[in-house]
Amino acid sequence: MAIISCPECDKPISSRTMLCPYCGFQRGQVSEEQLREFRRRKLRDRIYQLKMASYAALTLLVGAFGWYLAETSGFQYTSSAGPYILFTIGAACYLIIRVYLYRFKAALRKLGNRPL
């Protein structure tokens, strides 16, 4: 077994694999089960990335609230527009990410999420 470069994405892969784990390039005859497993892994990776992005959006929301509290001294004074804008951006990003997360999870269920 040797490490070679994928002809499609130039990332290192095993010489025995028929399907690149990074880009999905088929080097030879690939069974339908191997293709399904590749799609499952790609969906799981995307779901993980979306979860991390949703944590970043939640951090924006918490940061905006902290900024608001720091400016208003505990709700006693009015705040500048900065915390409101940051909160709006964080909330919009979080909602968009959640919609994509729902769609990818539905696609994973459709493929049949069985353990590796």
N, C-alpha and C. Protein backbone atom coordinates (compact mmCIF):
# COMPACT_ATOMS: atom_id res chain seq x y z
N MET A 1 0.84 -1.17 0.00
CA MET A 1 0.00 0.00 0.00
C MET A 1 0.88 1.24 0.00
N ALA A 2 0.61 2.15 -0.91
CA ALA A 2 1.38 3.38 -1.02
C ALA A 2 0.43 4.57 -0.93
N ILE A 3 0.99 5.70 -0.62
CA ILE A 3 0.23 6.94 -0.59
C ILE A 3 0.47 7.64 -1.92
N ILE A 4 -0.63 7.94 -2.62
CA ILE A 4 -0.56 8.62 -3.91
C ILE A 4 -1.39 9.90 -3.82
N SER A 5 -1.29 10.71 -4.84
CA SER A 5 -2.11 11.92 -4.91
C SER A 5 -3.35 11.65 -5.74
N CYS A 6 -4.47 12.16 -5.28
CA CYS A 6 -5.71 12.04 -6.04
C CYS A 6 -5.57 12.85 -7.33
N PRO A 7 -5.93 12.28 -8.48
CA PRO A 7 -5.81 13.02 -9.74
C PRO A 7 -6.73 14.25 -9.80
N GLU A 8 -7.79 14.25 -9.03
CA GLU A 8 -8.76 15.34 -9.08
C GLU A 8 -8.39 16.48 -8.13
N CYS A 9 -8.12 16.16 -6.85
CA CYS A 9 -7.91 17.21 -5.84
C CYS A 9 -6.48 17.29 -5.32
N ASP A 10 -5.61 16.38 -5.74
CA ASP A 10 -4.19 16.34 -5.35
C ASP A 10 -3.95 16.13 -3.86
N LYS A 11 -4.90 15.60 -3.15
CA LYS A 11 -4.71 15.29 -1.74
C LYS A 11 -4.20 13.85 -1.61
N PRO A 12 -3.44 13.55 -0.55
CA PRO A 12 -2.89 12.19 -0.41
C PRO A 12 -3.97 11.17 -0.06
N ILE A 13 -3.97 10.05 -0.80
CA ILE A 13 -4.91 8.96 -0.55
C ILE A 13 -4.16 7.64 -0.65
N SER A 14 -4.76 6.59 -0.16
CA SER A 14 -4.18 5.26 -0.25
C SER A 14 -4.29 4.75 -1.69
N SER A 15 -3.31 3.98 -2.10
CA SER A 15 -3.34 3.43 -3.46
C SER A 15 -4.41 2.34 -3.59
N ARG A 16 -4.89 1.82 -2.48
CA ARG A 16 -5.90 0.75 -2.52
C ARG A 16 -7.33 1.28 -2.60
N THR A 17 -7.53 2.52 -2.25
CA THR A 17 -8.89 3.05 -2.26
C THR A 17 -9.34 3.34 -3.69
N MET A 18 -10.57 3.07 -3.96
CA MET A 18 -11.12 3.33 -5.29
C MET A 18 -11.91 4.63 -5.35
N LEU A 19 -12.11 5.25 -4.19
CA LEU A 19 -12.92 6.45 -4.10
C LEU A 19 -12.20 7.45 -3.20
N CYS A 20 -11.90 8.63 -3.70
CA CYS A 20 -11.20 9.63 -2.91
C CYS A 20 -12.10 10.10 -1.77
N PRO A 21 -11.62 10.07 -0.51
CA PRO A 21 -12.47 10.49 0.60
C PRO A 21 -12.67 12.01 0.67
N TYR A 22 -11.90 12.77 -0.09
CA TYR A 22 -12.01 14.22 -0.05
C TYR A 22 -12.94 14.77 -1.12
N CYS A 23 -12.78 14.30 -2.35
CA CYS A 23 -13.56 14.87 -3.45
C CYS A 23 -14.53 13.89 -4.10
N GLY A 24 -14.39 12.59 -3.83
CA GLY A 24 -15.29 11.60 -4.39
C GLY A 24 -14.87 11.07 -5.75
N PHE A 25 -13.66 11.39 -6.18
CA PHE A 25 -13.18 10.92 -7.48
C PHE A 25 -13.09 9.40 -7.48
N GLN A 26 -13.62 8.77 -8.53
CA GLN A 26 -13.62 7.31 -8.65
C GLN A 26 -12.42 6.88 -9.49
N ARG A 27 -11.54 6.09 -8.90
CA ARG A 27 -10.36 5.59 -9.60
C ARG A 27 -10.64 4.28 -10.32
N GLY A 28 -11.67 3.61 -9.96
CA GLY A 28 -11.98 2.32 -10.57
C GLY A 28 -13.45 2.00 -10.35
N GLN A 29 -13.78 0.73 -10.42
CA GLN A 29 -15.15 0.30 -10.18
C GLN A 29 -15.49 0.48 -8.70
N VAL A 30 -16.52 1.21 -8.45
CA VAL A 30 -16.95 1.50 -7.08
C VAL A 30 -18.37 0.99 -6.91
N SER A 31 -18.59 0.27 -5.82
CA SER A 31 -19.92 -0.28 -5.58
C SER A 31 -20.88 0.83 -5.12
N GLU A 32 -22.14 0.54 -5.24
CA GLU A 32 -23.16 1.49 -4.81
C GLU A 32 -23.08 1.74 -3.31
N GLU A 33 -22.73 0.72 -2.55
CA GLU A 33 -22.60 0.87 -1.09
C GLU A 33 -21.45 1.81 -0.75
N GLN A 34 -20.34 1.74 -1.48
CA GLN A 34 -19.23 2.65 -1.23
C GLN A 34 -19.62 4.10 -1.54
N LEU A 35 -20.40 4.29 -2.60
CA LEU A 35 -20.86 5.63 -2.93
C LEU A 35 -21.81 6.16 -1.85
N ARG A 36 -22.71 5.32 -1.36
CA ARG A 36 -23.61 5.74 -0.29
C ARG A 36 -22.84 6.10 0.97
N GLU A 37 -21.83 5.30 1.29
CA GLU A 37 -21.02 5.58 2.47
C GLU A 37 -20.27 6.90 2.31
N PHE A 38 -19.77 7.17 1.12
CA PHE A 38 -19.09 8.44 0.85
C PHE A 38 -20.05 9.60 1.05
N ARG A 39 -21.26 9.48 0.52
CA ARG A 39 -22.26 10.56 0.68
C ARG A 39 -22.61 10.76 2.14
N ARG A 40 -22.76 9.65 2.88
CA ARG A 40 -23.05 9.75 4.32
C ARG A 40 -21.96 10.50 5.07
N ARG A 41 -20.72 10.16 4.77
CA ARG A 41 -19.59 10.83 5.44
C ARG A 41 -19.55 12.31 5.10
N LYS A 42 -19.79 12.63 3.84
CA LYS A 42 -19.79 14.03 3.44
C LYS A 42 -20.91 14.80 4.16
N LEU A 43 -22.08 14.19 4.26
CA LEU A 43 -23.19 14.85 4.96
C LEU A 43 -22.87 15.02 6.44
N ARG A 44 -22.28 14.00 7.05
CA ARG A 44 -21.91 14.12 8.47
C ARG A 44 -20.88 15.20 8.69
N ASP A 45 -19.91 15.32 7.78
CA ASP A 45 -18.91 16.38 7.88
C ASP A 45 -19.56 17.76 7.76
N ARG A 46 -20.50 17.88 6.83
CA ARG A 46 -21.18 19.16 6.64
C ARG A 46 -22.04 19.51 7.85
N ILE A 47 -22.69 18.53 8.43
CA ILE A 47 -23.49 18.76 9.63
C ILE A 47 -22.60 19.24 10.77
N TYR A 48 -21.44 18.62 10.92
CA TYR A 48 -20.51 19.04 11.96
C TYR A 48 -20.08 20.50 11.75
N GLN A 49 -19.75 20.86 10.51
CA GLN A 49 -19.34 22.23 10.21
C GLN A 49 -20.46 23.22 10.50
N LEU A 50 -21.69 22.85 10.16
CA LEU A 50 -22.82 23.73 10.43
C LEU A 50 -23.07 23.89 11.93
N LYS A 51 -22.87 22.83 12.69
CA LYS A 51 -23.02 22.95 14.14
C LYS A 51 -21.99 23.91 14.71
N MET A 52 -20.76 23.82 14.23
CA MET A 52 -19.72 24.74 14.71
C MET A 52 -20.05 26.18 14.32
N ALA A 53 -20.60 26.38 13.13
CA ALA A 53 -21.00 27.71 12.71
C ALA A 53 -22.15 28.24 13.55
N SER A 54 -23.07 27.35 13.95
CA SER A 54 -24.18 27.81 14.80
C SER A 54 -23.67 28.23 16.17
N TYR A 55 -22.62 27.56 16.68
CA TYR A 55 -22.03 27.99 17.94
C TYR A 55 -21.40 29.37 17.81
N ALA A 56 -20.78 29.65 16.66
CA ALA A 56 -20.20 30.97 16.41
C ALA A 56 -21.31 32.04 16.36
N ALA A 57 -22.43 31.72 15.73
CA ALA A 57 -23.54 32.66 15.67
C ALA A 57 -24.11 32.91 17.07
N LEU A 58 -24.20 31.88 17.87
CA LEU A 58 -24.67 32.07 19.25
C LEU A 58 -23.69 32.92 20.06
N THR A 59 -22.41 32.77 19.78
CA THR A 59 -21.41 33.61 20.44
C THR A 59 -21.61 35.07 20.07
N LEU A 60 -21.95 35.33 18.81
CA LEU A 60 -22.27 36.70 18.39
C LEU A 60 -23.47 37.24 19.18
N LEU A 61 -24.47 36.42 19.36
CA LEU A 61 -25.65 36.85 20.10
C LEU A 61 -25.31 37.19 21.55
N VAL A 62 -24.52 36.33 22.18
CA VAL A 62 -24.13 36.57 23.58
C VAL A 62 -23.23 37.81 23.66
N GLY A 63 -22.33 37.96 22.70
CA GLY A 63 -21.46 39.14 22.66
C GLY A 63 -22.26 40.42 22.49
N ALA A 64 -23.27 40.39 21.64
CA ALA A 64 -24.12 41.56 21.43
C ALA A 64 -24.87 41.91 22.72
N PHE A 65 -25.35 40.91 23.41
CA PHE A 65 -26.06 41.17 24.67
C PHE A 65 -25.11 41.73 25.72
N GLY A 66 -23.89 41.20 25.79
CA GLY A 66 -22.90 41.73 26.72
C GLY A 66 -22.53 43.16 26.40
N TRP A 67 -22.38 43.46 25.13
CA TRP A 67 -22.08 44.82 24.70
C TRP A 67 -23.22 45.76 25.09
N TYR A 68 -24.43 45.31 24.87
CA TYR A 68 -25.60 46.11 25.23
C TYR A 68 -25.62 46.38 26.74
N LEU A 69 -25.38 45.37 27.55
CA LEU A 69 -25.38 45.55 29.00
C LEU A 69 -24.25 46.49 29.44
N ALA A 70 -23.09 46.39 28.79
CA ALA A 70 -21.97 47.26 29.15
C ALA A 70 -22.27 48.72 28.83
N GLU A 71 -22.97 48.95 27.73
CA GLU A 71 -23.28 50.33 27.34
C GLU A 71 -24.43 50.93 28.15
N THR A 72 -25.36 50.11 28.54
CA THR A 72 -26.55 50.65 29.20
C THR A 72 -26.46 50.61 30.71
N SER A 73 -25.40 50.09 31.25
CA SER A 73 -25.22 49.99 32.71
C SER A 73 -26.42 49.32 33.36
N GLY A 74 -26.77 48.17 32.87
CA GLY A 74 -27.86 47.41 33.46
C GLY A 74 -29.23 47.95 33.09
N PHE A 75 -29.44 48.27 31.86
CA PHE A 75 -30.73 48.71 31.30
C PHE A 75 -31.14 50.11 31.75
N GLN A 76 -30.22 50.94 32.22
CA GLN A 76 -30.60 52.27 32.71
C GLN A 76 -30.48 53.35 31.64
N TYR A 77 -29.61 53.16 30.66
CA TYR A 77 -29.39 54.17 29.64
C TYR A 77 -29.63 53.56 28.26
N THR A 78 -29.72 54.42 27.26
CA THR A 78 -29.90 53.92 25.90
C THR A 78 -28.55 53.51 25.32
N SER A 79 -28.60 52.64 24.36
CA SER A 79 -27.39 52.09 23.76
C SER A 79 -27.22 52.62 22.34
N SER A 80 -26.00 52.51 21.82
CA SER A 80 -25.77 52.84 20.42
C SER A 80 -26.35 51.74 19.54
N ALA A 81 -26.24 51.90 18.24
CA ALA A 81 -26.81 50.93 17.31
C ALA A 81 -25.96 49.67 17.17
N GLY A 82 -24.73 49.70 17.63
CA GLY A 82 -23.81 48.58 17.47
C GLY A 82 -24.34 47.25 18.00
N PRO A 83 -24.78 47.19 19.27
CA PRO A 83 -25.28 45.91 19.78
C PRO A 83 -26.50 45.40 19.02
N TYR A 84 -27.35 46.32 18.59
CA TYR A 84 -28.55 45.91 17.84
C TYR A 84 -28.18 45.30 16.49
N ILE A 85 -27.22 45.92 15.83
CA ILE A 85 -26.78 45.41 14.53
C ILE A 85 -26.12 44.04 14.70
N LEU A 86 -25.24 43.92 15.70
CA LEU A 86 -24.57 42.65 15.94
C LEU A 86 -25.58 41.56 16.30
N PHE A 87 -26.55 41.91 17.10
CA PHE A 87 -27.58 40.94 17.47
C PHE A 87 -28.39 40.50 16.25
N THR A 88 -28.73 41.45 15.39
CA THR A 88 -29.50 41.13 14.17
C THR A 88 -28.69 40.22 13.25
N ILE A 89 -27.42 40.52 13.07
CA ILE A 89 -26.56 39.68 12.22
C ILE A 89 -26.44 38.28 12.81
N GLY A 90 -26.20 38.20 14.11
CA GLY A 90 -26.06 36.90 14.76
C GLY A 90 -27.34 36.07 14.67
N ALA A 91 -28.49 36.72 14.89
CA ALA A 91 -29.77 36.01 14.83
C ALA A 91 -30.06 35.52 13.41
N ALA A 92 -29.79 36.37 12.42
CA ALA A 92 -30.05 35.97 11.02
C ALA A 92 -29.13 34.81 10.63
N CYS A 93 -27.87 34.91 10.98
CA CYS A 93 -26.93 33.81 10.67
C CYS A 93 -27.36 32.51 11.35
N TYR A 94 -27.75 32.61 12.60
CA TYR A 94 -28.16 31.42 13.33
C TYR A 94 -29.38 30.76 12.67
N LEU A 95 -30.36 31.55 12.29
CA LEU A 95 -31.56 30.99 11.67
C LEU A 95 -31.26 30.35 10.32
N ILE A 96 -30.43 31.00 9.53
CA ILE A 96 -30.06 30.45 8.22
C ILE A 96 -29.30 29.13 8.39
N ILE A 97 -28.37 29.11 9.34
CA ILE A 97 -27.60 27.90 9.60
C ILE A 97 -28.52 26.76 10.05
N ARG A 98 -29.48 27.07 10.89
CA ARG A 98 -30.40 26.04 11.37
C ARG A 98 -31.24 25.46 10.24
N VAL A 99 -31.63 26.28 9.27
CA VAL A 99 -32.39 25.77 8.12
C VAL A 99 -31.53 24.80 7.32
N TYR A 100 -30.29 25.18 7.05
CA TYR A 100 -29.39 24.28 6.33
C TYR A 100 -29.12 23.01 7.12
N LEU A 101 -28.96 23.14 8.42
CA LEU A 101 -28.73 21.98 9.27
C LEU A 101 -29.91 21.02 9.21
N TYR A 102 -31.10 21.55 9.22
CA TYR A 102 -32.30 20.71 9.11
C TYR A 102 -32.31 19.97 7.78
N ARG A 103 -31.98 20.66 6.71
CA ARG A 103 -31.99 20.03 5.38
C ARG A 103 -30.94 18.92 5.27
N PHE A 104 -29.74 19.17 5.77
CA PHE A 104 -28.70 18.15 5.70
C PHE A 104 -29.03 16.95 6.58
N LYS A 105 -29.63 17.19 7.73
CA LYS A 105 -30.02 16.07 8.58
C LYS A 105 -31.12 15.24 7.92
N ALA A 106 -32.05 15.90 7.22
CA ALA A 106 -33.10 15.18 6.50
C ALA A 106 -32.50 14.35 5.37
N ALA A 107 -31.51 14.90 4.68
CA ALA A 107 -30.85 14.15 3.60
C ALA A 107 -30.09 12.95 4.17
N LEU A 108 -29.50 13.11 5.35
CA LEU A 108 -28.79 12.00 5.98
C LEU A 108 -29.77 10.91 6.39
N ARG A 109 -30.92 11.29 6.93
CA ARG A 109 -31.94 10.29 7.30
C ARG A 109 -32.43 9.56 6.05
N LYS A 110 -32.54 10.29 4.96
CA LYS A 110 -33.01 9.67 3.72
C LYS A 110 -32.02 8.62 3.21
N LEU A 111 -30.73 8.88 3.38
CA LEU A 111 -29.72 7.90 2.98
C LEU A 111 -29.66 6.70 3.91
N GLY A 112 -30.15 6.87 5.10
CA GLY A 112 -30.08 5.79 6.08
C GLY A 112 -28.84 5.91 6.91
N ASN A 113 -28.94 6.56 8.03
CA ASN A 113 -27.77 6.83 8.88
C ASN A 113 -27.48 5.63 9.76
N ARG A 114 -26.69 4.72 9.28
CA ARG A 114 -26.30 3.59 10.10
C ARG A 114 -24.85 3.79 10.51
N PRO A 115 -24.45 3.27 11.67
CA PRO A 115 -23.09 3.49 12.14
C PRO A 115 -22.05 2.83 11.25
N LEU A 116 -20.85 3.41 11.28
CA LEU A 116 -19.76 2.86 10.46
C LEU A 116 -19.18 1.63 11.05
